[in-house]
Amino acid sequence: GDDAPRDQAWKTLDETGRVMAAAFVPGDAVVLALAMPDRARAFLVRITANGEQRIIAEVDPRLEDDGSSCDVTSMRWDAGRGCLVVAGSFGVHAYRPA
């Protein structure tokens, strides 16, 4: 198949960073936790099957603790609660779609 549209969509994401975790979510999409270069926070980026990407949340433990690095160790979609559960050095957070 023609991969050009998909590859082009990947290149348009302005944020860069190391992927720490990923989870499949409803709507044929995946959410990636991207570490920012300063390692102090992470962005949760939702990417759909057609390549559309959007930052859906920011994990910033500097608001809650001593400002140590933000490490996302796992993510999973909780269908029963309808939220994305994110765990890491900051504890456990849950994010529900707006």
PDB file of N, CA and C in Angstrom:
ATOM      1  N   GLY A   1       0.811  -1.186   0.000  1.00  0.00           N
ATOM      2  CA  GLY A   1       0.000   0.000   0.000  1.00  0.00           C
ATOM      3  C   GLY A   1       0.852   1.245   0.000  1.00  0.00           C
ATOM      4  N   ASP A   2       0.189   2.363  -0.182  1.00  0.00           N
ATOM      5  CA  ASP A   2       0.864   3.659  -0.197  1.00  0.00           C
ATOM      6  C   ASP A   2       0.993   4.181   1.224  1.00  0.00           C
ATOM      7  N   ASP A   3       2.212   4.258   1.754  1.00  0.00           N
ATOM      8  CA  ASP A   3       2.447   4.703   3.124  1.00  0.00           C
ATOM      9  C   ASP A   3       2.717   6.198   3.229  1.00  0.00           C
ATOM     10  N   ALA A   4       2.754   6.911   2.101  1.00  0.00           N
ATOM     11  CA  ALA A   4       3.112   8.331   2.124  1.00  0.00           C
ATOM     12  C   ALA A   4       2.211   9.157   3.047  1.00  0.00           C
ATOM     13  N   PRO A   5       0.858   9.040   2.978  1.00  0.00           N
ATOM     14  CA  PRO A   5       0.032   9.863   3.862  1.00  0.00           C
ATOM     15  C   PRO A   5       0.306   9.570   5.340  1.00  0.00           C
ATOM     16  N   ARG A   6       0.453   8.312   5.701  1.00  0.00           N
ATOM     17  CA  ARG A   6       0.718   7.963   7.097  1.00  0.00           C
ATOM     18  C   ARG A   6       2.060   8.517   7.550  1.00  0.00           C
ATOM     19  N   ASP A   7       3.096   8.326   6.729  1.00  0.00           N
ATOM     20  CA  ASP A   7       4.420   8.812   7.099  1.00  0.00           C
ATOM     21  C   ASP A   7       4.443  10.334   7.190  1.00  0.00           C
ATOM     22  N   GLN A   8       3.732  11.013   6.306  1.00  0.00           N
ATOM     23  CA  GLN A   8       3.673  12.470   6.342  1.00  0.00           C
ATOM     24  C   GLN A   8       3.025  12.937   7.647  1.00  0.00           C
ATOM     25  N   ALA A   9       1.975  12.255   8.097  1.00  0.00           N
ATOM     26  CA  ALA A   9       1.307  12.638   9.344  1.00  0.00           C
ATOM     27  C   ALA A   9       2.254  12.518  10.527  1.00  0.00           C
ATOM     28  N   TRP A  10       3.061  11.487  10.550  1.00  0.00           N
ATOM     29  CA  TRP A  10       4.027  11.330  11.647  1.00  0.00           C
ATOM     30  C   TRP A  10       4.993  12.501  11.680  1.00  0.00           C
ATOM     31  N   LYS A  11       5.391  13.002  10.546  1.00  0.00           N
ATOM     32  CA  LYS A  11       6.378  14.072  10.486  1.00  0.00           C
ATOM     33  C   LYS A  11       5.814  15.417  10.938  1.00  0.00           C
ATOM     34  N   THR A  12       4.485  15.577  10.981  1.00  0.00           N
ATOM     35  CA  THR A  12       3.912  16.870  11.332  1.00  0.00           C
ATOM     36  C   THR A  12       3.774  17.082  12.840  1.00  0.00           C
ATOM     37  N   LEU A  13       4.041  16.083  13.640  1.00  0.00           N
ATOM     38  CA  LEU A  13       3.968  16.249  15.088  1.00  0.00           C
ATOM     39  C   LEU A  13       5.137  17.109  15.537  1.00  0.00           C
ATOM     40  N   ASP A  14       4.849  18.279  16.084  1.00  0.00           N
ATOM     41  CA  ASP A  14       5.896  19.228  16.452  1.00  0.00           C
ATOM     42  C   ASP A  14       6.649  18.824  17.709  1.00  0.00           C
ATOM     43  N   GLU A  15       5.989  18.138  18.629  1.00  0.00           N
ATOM     44  CA  GLU A  15       6.641  17.730  19.865  1.00  0.00           C
ATOM     45  C   GLU A  15       7.558  16.547  19.609  1.00  0.00           C
ATOM     46  N   THR A  16       8.704  16.537  20.243  1.00  0.00           N
ATOM     47  CA  THR A  16       9.604  15.409  20.127  1.00  0.00           C
ATOM     48  C   THR A  16       9.947  14.934  21.528  1.00  0.00           C
ATOM     49  N   GLY A  17      10.286  13.699  21.633  1.00  0.00           N
ATOM     50  CA  GLY A  17      10.653  13.156  22.930  1.00  0.00           C
ATOM     51  C   GLY A  17      10.652  11.649  22.878  1.00  0.00           C
ATOM     52  N   ARG A  18      11.206  11.061  23.906  1.00  0.00           N
ATOM     53  CA  ARG A  18      11.284   9.610  23.993  1.00  0.00           C
ATOM     54  C   ARG A  18       9.920   9.052  24.375  1.00  0.00           C
ATOM     55  N   VAL A  19       9.471   8.024  23.669  1.00  0.00           N
ATOM     56  CA  VAL A  19       8.216   7.363  24.011  1.00  0.00           C
ATOM     57  C   VAL A  19       8.464   6.479  25.225  1.00  0.00           C
ATOM     58  N   MET A  20       7.708   6.732  26.294  1.00  0.00           N
ATOM     59  CA  MET A  20       7.877   5.964  27.527  1.00  0.00           C
ATOM     60  C   MET A  20       6.841   4.867  27.670  1.00  0.00           C
ATOM     61  N   ALA A  21       5.657   5.072  27.108  1.00  0.00           N
ATOM     62  CA  ALA A  21       4.583   4.084  27.227  1.00  0.00           C
ATOM     63  C   ALA A  21       3.567   4.347  26.120  1.00  0.00           C
ATOM     64  N   ALA A  22       2.756   3.332  25.832  1.00  0.00           N
ATOM     65  CA  ALA A  22       1.712   3.452  24.825  1.00  0.00           C
ATOM     66  C   ALA A  22       0.516   2.614  25.243  1.00  0.00           C
ATOM     67  N   ALA A  23      -0.674   3.040  24.810  1.00  0.00           N
ATOM     68  CA  ALA A  23      -1.890   2.280  25.105  1.00  0.00           C
ATOM     69  C   ALA A  23      -2.881   2.473  23.965  1.00  0.00           C
ATOM     70  N   PHE A  24      -3.548   1.402  23.582  1.00  0.00           N
ATOM     71  CA  PHE A  24      -4.634   1.507  22.619  1.00  0.00           C
ATOM     72  C   PHE A  24      -5.859   2.032  23.336  1.00  0.00           C
ATOM     73  N   VAL A  25      -6.585   2.944  22.666  1.00  0.00           N
ATOM     74  CA  VAL A  25      -7.786   3.547  23.241  1.00  0.00           C
ATOM     75  C   VAL A  25      -8.912   3.451  22.218  1.00  0.00           C
ATOM     76  N   PRO A  26     -10.153   3.642  22.657  1.00  0.00           N
ATOM     77  CA  PRO A  26     -11.277   3.573  21.711  1.00  0.00           C
ATOM     78  C   PRO A  26     -11.114   4.564  20.557  1.00  0.00           C
ATOM     79  N   GLY A  27     -11.757   4.241  19.445  1.00  0.00           N
ATOM     80  CA  GLY A  27     -11.684   5.101  18.271  1.00  0.00           C
ATOM     81  C   GLY A  27     -10.524   4.759  17.367  1.00  0.00           C
ATOM     82  N   ASP A  28     -10.062   3.510  17.428  1.00  0.00           N
ATOM     83  CA  ASP A  28      -8.928   3.078  16.593  1.00  0.00           C
ATOM     84  C   ASP A  28      -7.741   4.026  16.737  1.00  0.00           C
ATOM     85  N   ALA A  29      -7.357   4.290  17.982  1.00  0.00           N
ATOM     86  CA  ALA A  29      -6.272   5.227  18.246  1.00  0.00           C
ATOM     87  C   ALA A  29      -5.315   4.645  19.278  1.00  0.00           C
ATOM     88  N   VAL A  30      -4.160   5.265  19.380  1.00  0.00           N
ATOM     89  CA  VAL A  30      -3.166   4.914  20.381  1.00  0.00           C
ATOM     90  C   VAL A  30      -2.764   6.205  21.080  1.00  0.00           C
ATOM     91  N   VAL A  31      -2.469   6.112  22.363  1.00  0.00           N
ATOM     92  CA  VAL A  31      -1.944   7.253  23.111  1.00  0.00           C
ATOM     93  C   VAL A  31      -0.506   6.936  23.483  1.00  0.00           C
ATOM     94  N   LEU A  32       0.390   7.885  23.178  1.00  0.00           N
ATOM     95  CA  LEU A  32       1.798   7.752  23.527  1.00  0.00           C
ATOM     96  C   LEU A  32       2.126   8.737  24.643  1.00  0.00           C
ATOM     97  N   ALA A  33       2.954   8.311  25.578  1.00  0.00           N
ATOM     98  CA  ALA A  33       3.492   9.210  26.595  1.00  0.00           C
ATOM     99  C   ALA A  33       4.880   9.617  26.127  1.00  0.00           C
ATOM    100  N   LEU A  34       5.050  10.892  25.793  1.00  0.00           N
ATOM    101  CA  LEU A  34       6.326  11.400  25.291  1.00  0.00           C
ATOM    102  C   LEU A  34       7.032  12.196  26.374  1.00  0.00           C
ATOM    103  N   ALA A  35       8.256  11.805  26.690  1.00  0.00           N
ATOM    104  CA  ALA A  35       9.071  12.551  27.647  1.00  0.00           C
ATOM    105  C   ALA A  35       9.591  13.800  26.952  1.00  0.00           C
ATOM    106  N   MET A  36       9.492  14.924  27.604  1.00  0.00           N
ATOM    107  CA  MET A  36      10.046  16.153  27.058  1.00  0.00           C
ATOM    108  C   MET A  36      11.563  16.168  27.306  1.00  0.00           C
ATOM    109  N   PRO A  37      12.297  16.942  26.535  1.00  0.00           N
ATOM    110  CA  PRO A  37      13.763  16.930  26.662  1.00  0.00           C
ATOM    111  C   PRO A  37      14.266  17.187  28.082  1.00  0.00           C
ATOM    112  N   ASP A  38      13.558  17.995  28.852  1.00  0.00           N
ATOM    113  CA  ASP A  38      14.007  18.283  30.224  1.00  0.00           C
ATOM    114  C   ASP A  38      13.656  17.163  31.207  1.00  0.00           C
ATOM    115  N   ARG A  39      12.903  16.168  30.734  1.00  0.00           N
ATOM    116  CA  ARG A  39      12.479  14.994  31.536  1.00  0.00           C
ATOM    117  C   ARG A  39      11.630  15.373  32.747  1.00  0.00           C
ATOM    118  N   ALA A  40      11.215  16.624  32.855  1.00  0.00           N
ATOM    119  CA  ALA A  40      10.432  17.068  34.002  1.00  0.00           C
ATOM    120  C   ALA A  40       8.941  16.858  33.800  1.00  0.00           C
ATOM    121  N   ARG A  41       8.514  16.632  32.558  1.00  0.00           N
ATOM    122  CA  ARG A  41       7.096  16.436  32.272  1.00  0.00           C
ATOM    123  C   ARG A  41       6.949  15.560  31.040  1.00  0.00           C
ATOM    124  N   ALA A  42       5.714  15.163  30.775  1.00  0.00           N
ATOM    125  CA  ALA A  42       5.419  14.327  29.613  1.00  0.00           C
ATOM    126  C   ALA A  42       4.128  14.812  28.973  1.00  0.00           C
ATOM    127  N   PHE A  43       4.018  14.628  27.670  1.00  0.00           N
ATOM    128  CA  PHE A  43       2.774  14.892  26.968  1.00  0.00           C
ATOM    129  C   PHE A  43       2.138  13.558  26.605  1.00  0.00           C
ATOM    130  N   LEU A  44       0.820  13.476  26.728  1.00  0.00           N
ATOM    131  CA  LEU A  44       0.064  12.331  26.234  1.00  0.00           C
ATOM    132  C   LEU A  44      -0.486  12.742  24.878  1.00  0.00           C
ATOM    133  N   VAL A  45      -0.102  11.997  23.849  1.00  0.00           N
ATOM    134  CA  VAL A  45      -0.461  12.330  22.476  1.00  0.00           C
ATOM    135  C   VAL A  45      -1.327  11.217  21.915  1.00  0.00           C
ATOM    136  N   ARG A  46      -2.528  11.567  21.442  1.00  0.00           N
ATOM    137  CA  ARG A  46      -3.450  10.601  20.831  1.00  0.00           C
ATOM    138  C   ARG A  46      -3.237  10.643  19.325  1.00  0.00           C
ATOM    139  N   ILE A  47      -3.019   9.468  18.733  1.00  0.00           N
ATOM    140  CA  ILE A  47      -2.809   9.352  17.300  1.00  0.00           C
ATOM    141  C   ILE A  47      -3.858   8.393  16.750  1.00  0.00           C
ATOM    142  N   THR A  48      -4.638   8.879  15.780  1.00  0.00           N
ATOM    143  CA  THR A  48      -5.689   8.060  15.185  1.00  0.00           C
ATOM    144  C   THR A  48      -5.124   7.222  14.039  1.00  0.00           C
ATOM    145  N   ALA A  49      -5.933   6.304  13.551  1.00  0.00           N
ATOM    146  CA  ALA A  49      -5.507   5.410  12.469  1.00  0.00           C
ATOM    147  C   ALA A  49      -5.145   6.176  11.204  1.00  0.00           C
ATOM    148  N   ASN A  50      -5.759   7.356  10.995  1.00  0.00           N
ATOM    149  CA  ASN A  50      -5.446   8.136   9.789  1.00  0.00           C
ATOM    150  C   ASN A  50      -4.249   9.066   9.993  1.00  0.00           C
ATOM    151  N   GLY A  51      -3.595   9.000  11.163  1.00  0.00           N
ATOM    152  CA  GLY A  51      -2.385   9.769  11.404  1.00  0.00           C
ATOM    153  C   GLY A  51      -2.597  11.095  12.106  1.00  0.00           C
ATOM    154  N   GLU A  52      -3.842  11.468  12.375  1.00  0.00           N
ATOM    155  CA  GLU A  52      -4.100  12.725  13.075  1.00  0.00           C
ATOM    156  C   GLU A  52      -3.597  12.612  14.511  1.00  0.00           C
ATOM    157  N   GLN A  53      -2.861  13.611  14.966  1.00  0.00           N
ATOM    158  CA  GLN A  53      -2.317  13.564  16.322  1.00  0.00           C
ATOM    159  C   GLN A  53      -2.712  14.829  17.078  1.00  0.00           C
ATOM    160  N   ARG A  54      -2.876  14.651  18.397  1.00  0.00           N
ATOM    161  CA  ARG A  54      -3.266  15.779  19.233  1.00  0.00           C
ATOM    162  C   ARG A  54      -2.767  15.535  20.644  1.00  0.00           C
ATOM    163  N   ILE A  55      -2.206  16.552  21.260  1.00  0.00           N
ATOM    164  CA  ILE A  55      -1.823  16.447  22.662  1.00  0.00           C
ATOM    165  C   ILE A  55      -3.109  16.504  23.476  1.00  0.00           C
ATOM    166  N   ILE A  56      -3.345  15.470  24.278  1.00  0.00           N
ATOM    167  CA  ILE A  56      -4.591  15.416  25.043  1.00  0.00           C
ATOM    168  C   ILE A  56      -4.391  15.734  26.522  1.00  0.00           C
ATOM    169  N   ALA A  57      -3.158  15.650  26.998  1.00  0.00           N
ATOM    170  CA  ALA A  57      -2.907  15.953  28.414  1.00  0.00           C
ATOM    171  C   ALA A  57      -1.418  16.169  28.619  1.00  0.00           C
ATOM    172  N   GLU A  58      -1.110  16.865  29.694  1.00  0.00           N
ATOM    173  CA  GLU A  58       0.274  17.061  30.106  1.00  0.00           C
ATOM    174  C   GLU A  58       0.422  16.491  31.510  1.00  0.00           C
ATOM    175  N   VAL A  59       1.418  15.638  31.695  1.00  0.00           N
ATOM    176  CA  VAL A  59       1.737  15.099  33.016  1.00  0.00           C
ATOM    177  C   VAL A  59       2.889  15.944  33.542  1.00  0.00           C
ATOM    178  N   ASP A  60       2.609  16.712  34.584  1.00  0.00           N
ATOM    179  CA  ASP A  60       3.617  17.622  35.116  1.00  0.00           C
ATOM    180  C   ASP A  60       3.674  17.476  36.636  1.00  0.00           C
ATOM    181  N   PRO A  61       4.493  16.543  37.124  1.00  0.00           N
ATOM    182  CA  PRO A  61       4.555  16.317  38.568  1.00  0.00           C
ATOM    183  C   PRO A  61       5.197  17.466  39.335  1.00  0.00           C
ATOM    184  N   ARG A  62       5.786  18.427  38.626  1.00  0.00           N
ATOM    185  CA  ARG A  62       6.381  19.577  39.316  1.00  0.00           C
ATOM    186  C   ARG A  62       5.324  20.346  40.096  1.00  0.00           C
ATOM    187  N   LEU A  63       4.075  20.205  39.699  1.00  0.00           N
ATOM    188  CA  LEU A  63       2.989  20.887  40.403  1.00  0.00           C
ATOM    189  C   LEU A  63       2.657  20.209  41.724  1.00  0.00           C
ATOM    190  N   GLU A  64       3.115  18.959  41.898  1.00  0.00           N
ATOM    191  CA  GLU A  64       2.714  18.166  43.055  1.00  0.00           C
ATOM    192  C   GLU A  64       3.855  17.765  43.977  1.00  0.00           C
ATOM    193  N   ASP A  65       5.083  17.697  43.476  1.00  0.00           N
ATOM    194  CA  ASP A  65       6.173  17.159  44.301  1.00  0.00           C
ATOM    195  C   ASP A  65       7.445  17.977  44.161  1.00  0.00           C
ATOM    196  N   ASP A  66       8.564  17.349  44.395  1.00  0.00           N
ATOM    197  CA  ASP A  66       9.856  18.037  44.427  1.00  0.00           C
ATOM    198  C   ASP A  66      10.432  18.363  43.051  1.00  0.00           C
ATOM    199  N   GLY A  67       9.687  18.051  41.991  1.00  0.00           N
ATOM    200  CA  GLY A  67      10.158  18.379  40.656  1.00  0.00           C
ATOM    201  C   GLY A  67      11.131  17.391  40.064  1.00  0.00           C
ATOM    202  N   SER A  68      11.160  16.163  40.581  1.00  0.00           N
ATOM    203  CA  SER A  68      12.047  15.157  40.004  1.00  0.00           C
ATOM    204  C   SER A  68      11.565  14.782  38.609  1.00  0.00           C
ATOM    205  N   SER A  69      12.316  13.949  37.927  1.00  0.00           N
ATOM    206  CA  SER A  69      11.963  13.599  36.556  1.00  0.00           C
ATOM    207  C   SER A  69      10.608  12.899  36.496  1.00  0.00           C
ATOM    208  N   CYS A  70       9.941  13.090  35.386  1.00  0.00           N
ATOM    209  CA  CYS A  70       8.619  12.505  35.155  1.00  0.00           C
ATOM    210  C   CYS A  70       8.800  11.247  34.310  1.00  0.00           C
ATOM    211  N   ASP A  71       8.646  10.096  34.916  1.00  0.00           N
ATOM    212  CA  ASP A  71       8.761   8.826  34.206  1.00  0.00           C
ATOM    213  C   ASP A  71       7.408   8.144  34.168  1.00  0.00           C
ATOM    214  N   VAL A  72       6.862   7.941  32.962  1.00  0.00           N
ATOM    215  CA  VAL A  72       5.624   7.183  32.782  1.00  0.00           C
ATOM    216  C   VAL A  72       6.031   5.736  32.565  1.00  0.00           C
ATOM    217  N   THR A  73       5.586   4.852  33.452  1.00  0.00           N
ATOM    218  CA  THR A  73       5.984   3.446  33.355  1.00  0.00           C
ATOM    219  C   THR A  73       4.917   2.565  32.731  1.00  0.00           C
ATOM    220  N   SER A  74       3.652   2.978  32.802  1.00  0.00           N
ATOM    221  CA  SER A  74       2.599   2.180  32.172  1.00  0.00           C
ATOM    222  C   SER A  74       1.354   3.015  31.940  1.00  0.00           C
ATOM    223  N   MET A  75       0.587   2.592  30.936  1.00  0.00           N
ATOM    224  CA  MET A  75      -0.709   3.198  30.632  1.00  0.00           C
ATOM    225  C   MET A  75      -1.639   2.086  30.179  1.00  0.00           C
ATOM    226  N   ARG A  76      -2.912   2.232  30.521  1.00  0.00           N
ATOM    227  CA  ARG A  76      -3.908   1.301  29.992  1.00  0.00           C
ATOM    228  C   ARG A  76      -5.269   1.964  29.999  1.00  0.00           C
ATOM    229  N   TRP A  77      -6.099   1.558  29.047  1.00  0.00           N
ATOM    230  CA  TRP A  77      -7.459   2.054  28.958  1.00  0.00           C
ATOM    231  C   TRP A  77      -8.335   1.226  29.885  1.00  0.00           C
ATOM    232  N   ASP A  78      -9.044   1.880  30.786  1.00  0.00           N
ATOM    233  CA  ASP A  78      -9.979   1.217  31.694  1.00  0.00           C
ATOM    234  C   ASP A  78     -11.376   1.399  31.116  1.00  0.00           C
ATOM    235  N   ALA A  79     -11.863   0.380  30.410  1.00  0.00           N
ATOM    236  CA  ALA A  79     -13.160   0.470  29.738  1.00  0.00           C
ATOM    237  C   ALA A  79     -14.304   0.635  30.729  1.00  0.00           C
ATOM    238  N   GLY A  80     -14.199   0.013  31.885  1.00  0.00           N
ATOM    239  CA  GLY A  80     -15.260   0.117  32.881  1.00  0.00           C
ATOM    240  C   GLY A  80     -15.450   1.536  33.397  1.00  0.00           C
ATOM    241  N   ARG A  81     -14.384   2.263  33.544  1.00  0.00           N
ATOM    242  CA  ARG A  81     -14.450   3.635  34.048  1.00  0.00           C
ATOM    243  C   ARG A  81     -14.387   4.680  32.923  1.00  0.00           C
ATOM    244  N   GLY A  82     -14.037   4.226  31.717  1.00  0.00           N
ATOM    245  CA  GLY A  82     -13.959   5.145  30.587  1.00  0.00           C
ATOM    246  C   GLY A  82     -12.833   6.146  30.710  1.00  0.00           C
ATOM    247  N   CYS A  83     -11.668   5.671  31.203  1.00  0.00           N
ATOM    248  CA  CYS A  83     -10.541   6.592  31.372  1.00  0.00           C
ATOM    249  C   CYS A  83      -9.218   5.896  31.074  1.00  0.00           C
ATOM    250  N   LEU A  84      -8.216   6.720  30.822  1.00  0.00           N
ATOM    251  CA  LEU A  84      -6.863   6.243  30.610  1.00  0.00           C
ATOM    252  C   LEU A  84      -6.130   6.328  31.942  1.00  0.00           C
ATOM    253  N   VAL A  85      -5.601   5.205  32.407  1.00  0.00           N
ATOM    254  CA  VAL A  85      -4.876   5.153  33.674  1.00  0.00           C
ATOM    255  C   VAL A  85      -3.386   5.213  33.352  1.00  0.00           C
ATOM    256  N   VAL A  86      -2.709   6.188  33.951  1.00  0.00           N
ATOM    257  CA  VAL A  86      -1.291   6.435  33.690  1.00  0.00           C
ATOM    258  C   VAL A  86      -0.540   6.324  35.014  1.00  0.00           C
ATOM    259  N   ALA A  87       0.501   5.492  35.044  1.00  0.00           N
ATOM    260  CA  ALA A  87       1.284   5.302  36.269  1.00  0.00           C
ATOM    261  C   ALA A  87       2.737   5.631  36.001  1.00  0.00           C
ATOM    262  N   GLY A  88       3.417   6.097  37.050  1.00  0.00           N
ATOM    263  CA  GLY A  88       4.824   6.413  36.908  1.00  0.00           C
ATOM    264  C   GLY A  88       5.415   6.951  38.182  1.00  0.00           C
ATOM    265  N   SER A  89       6.509   7.696  38.041  1.00  0.00           N
ATOM    266  CA  SER A  89       7.224   8.227  39.195  1.00  0.00           C
ATOM    267  C   SER A  89       6.372   9.191  40.013  1.00  0.00           C
ATOM    268  N   PHE A  90       5.298   9.688  39.449  1.00  0.00           N
ATOM    269  CA  PHE A  90       4.394  10.649  40.065  1.00  0.00           C
ATOM    270  C   PHE A  90       3.219   9.984  40.777  1.00  0.00           C
ATOM    271  N   GLY A  91       3.099   8.665  40.667  1.00  0.00           N
ATOM    272  CA  GLY A  91       1.953   7.945  41.226  1.00  0.00           C
ATOM    273  C   GLY A  91       1.045   7.466  40.113  1.00  0.00           C
ATOM    274  N   VAL A  92      -0.249   7.520  40.350  1.00  0.00           N
ATOM    275  CA  VAL A  92      -1.243   7.069  39.359  1.00  0.00           C
ATOM    276  C   VAL A  92      -2.203   8.216  39.082  1.00  0.00           C
ATOM    277  N   HIS A  93      -2.399   8.510  37.785  1.00  0.00           N
ATOM    278  CA  HIS A  93      -3.366   9.529  37.358  1.00  0.00           C
ATOM    279  C   HIS A  93      -4.366   8.863  36.427  1.00  0.00           C
ATOM    280  N   ALA A  94      -5.580   9.382  36.392  1.00  0.00           N
ATOM    281  CA  ALA A  94      -6.599   8.915  35.444  1.00  0.00           C
ATOM    282  C   ALA A  94      -7.062  10.103  34.601  1.00  0.00           C
ATOM    283  N   TYR A  95      -7.183   9.875  33.313  1.00  0.00           N
ATOM    284  CA  TYR A  95      -7.602  10.921  32.381  1.00  0.00           C
ATOM    285  C   TYR A  95      -8.834  10.446  31.633  1.00  0.00           C
ATOM    286  N   ARG A  96      -9.896  11.243  31.684  1.00  0.00           N
ATOM    287  CA  ARG A  96     -11.149  10.908  30.996  1.00  0.00           C
ATOM    288  C   ARG A  96     -11.323  11.858  29.817  1.00  0.00           C
ATOM    289  N   PRO A  97     -11.722  11.327  28.667  1.00  0.00           N
ATOM    290  CA  PRO A  97     -11.937  12.202  27.502  1.00  0.00           C
ATOM    291  C   PRO A  97     -12.979  13.278  27.798  1.00  0.00           C
ATOM    292  N   ALA A  98     -12.752  14.450  27.241  1.00  0.00           N
ATOM    293  CA  ALA A  98     -13.690  15.570  27.434  1.00  0.00           C
ATOM    294  C   ALA A  98     -14.939  15.368  26.609  1.00  0.00           C
TER     295      ALA A  98
END
